[in-house]
Amino acid sequence: MFDFSKVDEEAKVDVLDINKRKKKVEKFNPKGEVSKRVNTSIVKAVEGTINDILKIEEELNELFIERENEIRMLTLAFITGSNGFFHGPAGTGKSALVEEYRNRIEDCSYFRILMGKTTEPSEIFGPVSINAMKNDIYKVNTKNKLPEANISFVDEIFKANSAVLNNLLTIMNEKLFFNEEIQKVPLISLIGASNEYYEEDNLIALYDRFLLRWNIDYINEPSNRITLFKNYLDRRRESSLLQENETVKMPVCKINIKDLMVINEKVKEITISIKVLNTYNKLLNTLLRKNIVISDRRKNESLKIVQAAALLDGRDEAEIQDLEVLKYTLWTYEEDLAAILEEVEKLANPNKNKLRNLKATFEAYKKQLLDLEDNKGSDQYVFNKTMAVTEIIKNINYGVNTINGILSSMKKEGRDNSKEFNDFMKLLNDMEEYAENIKKDIVL
């Protein structure tokens, strides 16, 4: 018999220890509801834009199913001025997602290209100016090309050839382009994508320029695929209406590129306490013991992503929970990703592991009762089912108490508007409803 009491020993602490948690002050949240931490000067300066960004994320998550991590990675890239990389097969919506996000950034100069082995430098950086050449001056006309873009999307980026690589690296890292004179590039983020990882050694430096990385795959959950199909059919129907009846689309949330630039600067002011830094160092030591080596530059650069996580949550100081975003930055090789996710989660978000274990145990209970139906005609069926239901209800009640303890802790920490809180609430409701439904199977 499975037992919720064995799901996670730490979960018991949440039940017993909730009254010992330290109370925290109020914060803002995107819904404008009562919260638990006071706005600070840093947060107040960009509160409206942050709320709009969170609204954009919400709208994008409705359009793109199972893309929460990908959307959050783009947000972190844009508000920190970092480069991001998506790895995944064709047809997973990489370019569509970037395109939809950048369409919500007004006055944004955008450059997009599909890289090939024969891609010429002029296709990326601009053609050589003929007029300048007449005066013996080498100058590239960068209008509408990468050196004048705020945001860029480069698909199949590892097909970059040596003719474009050096300038590309300088733009990504130093935000400079060597033209007639050194030209400062207004690039905020370059998002790269590829169906494959680099194969040539000269591309290692290019891959390293992407601070944020994520693997993207096809839709996994069957129910989510149904939502995907419905969304696709809805867009087809809307397209037809637009052509025939000139119907206007529903307005979407947008931000201005100037406001995004302000956030790029404000996020630098977010503080990280020595407690969080010590926890970060502990994580790095754990990964090193697993032979996962991370460069000093990447260790440092990852801290600005932690700052961004705090700002998005309405705080001027990062907390341990913000270290969860390190899952986007600390891995280089795909085989290391699982270990990094596990260790990051343990330190930054232990509740996620508890939620996963609670869900798995609940599903095991439901499967146990379904398996009993195979012996429905046996003499022992009623007795066995009654005993199983009685035991399962008892353990579900224990699980309910565990979740209530976790929810109480999250409320005290001001996290009662988070997705994680809602996930626990949904599981709690499902468990209580299931327990109520199976009570009728108890025969006294």
Foldseek 3Di string as FASTA:
>chain_A
DDFLCPLDVVLVCLLVPLVVDDFAAAFADLVRDTFGYDFDPLLVVQVVVLSLLVQQLVVLCLLQPPCNVVSVLVVLLLLQLAAEEEEADPPLCPVVSVVSQVVQAPPFQEEEDEDALPDALCQAQNDWDPVCVVVVQTFGDRPSHQQAGQEYEYEQVLSDDPNNPVQVLCCLPVQWGPGSHIRRGNYSYYYYYYNDDHDDPVCPSVLLRHQFYDYTYHDDDPVSVVSNVVSVVVVVVVVVCCVPVVDDDDDGRHHYSVSSVVSNVSLVQQAEDPVLVVLLVVLQVVVVVVVQDFDPVSSVVVVSSLSVQQSSVRHSYGDQLSLQSCLGGRDDDPVCSVVSNVSSCVGNPVVVSSLVSLVVSVVVLVVVLVVLVVPVPDPCSLVVLQVSLVVLLVSLVVVLSSLVSVLSSCRSVRNCVPPSVVSSVVVSVVSVVVNVVCVVSHDD
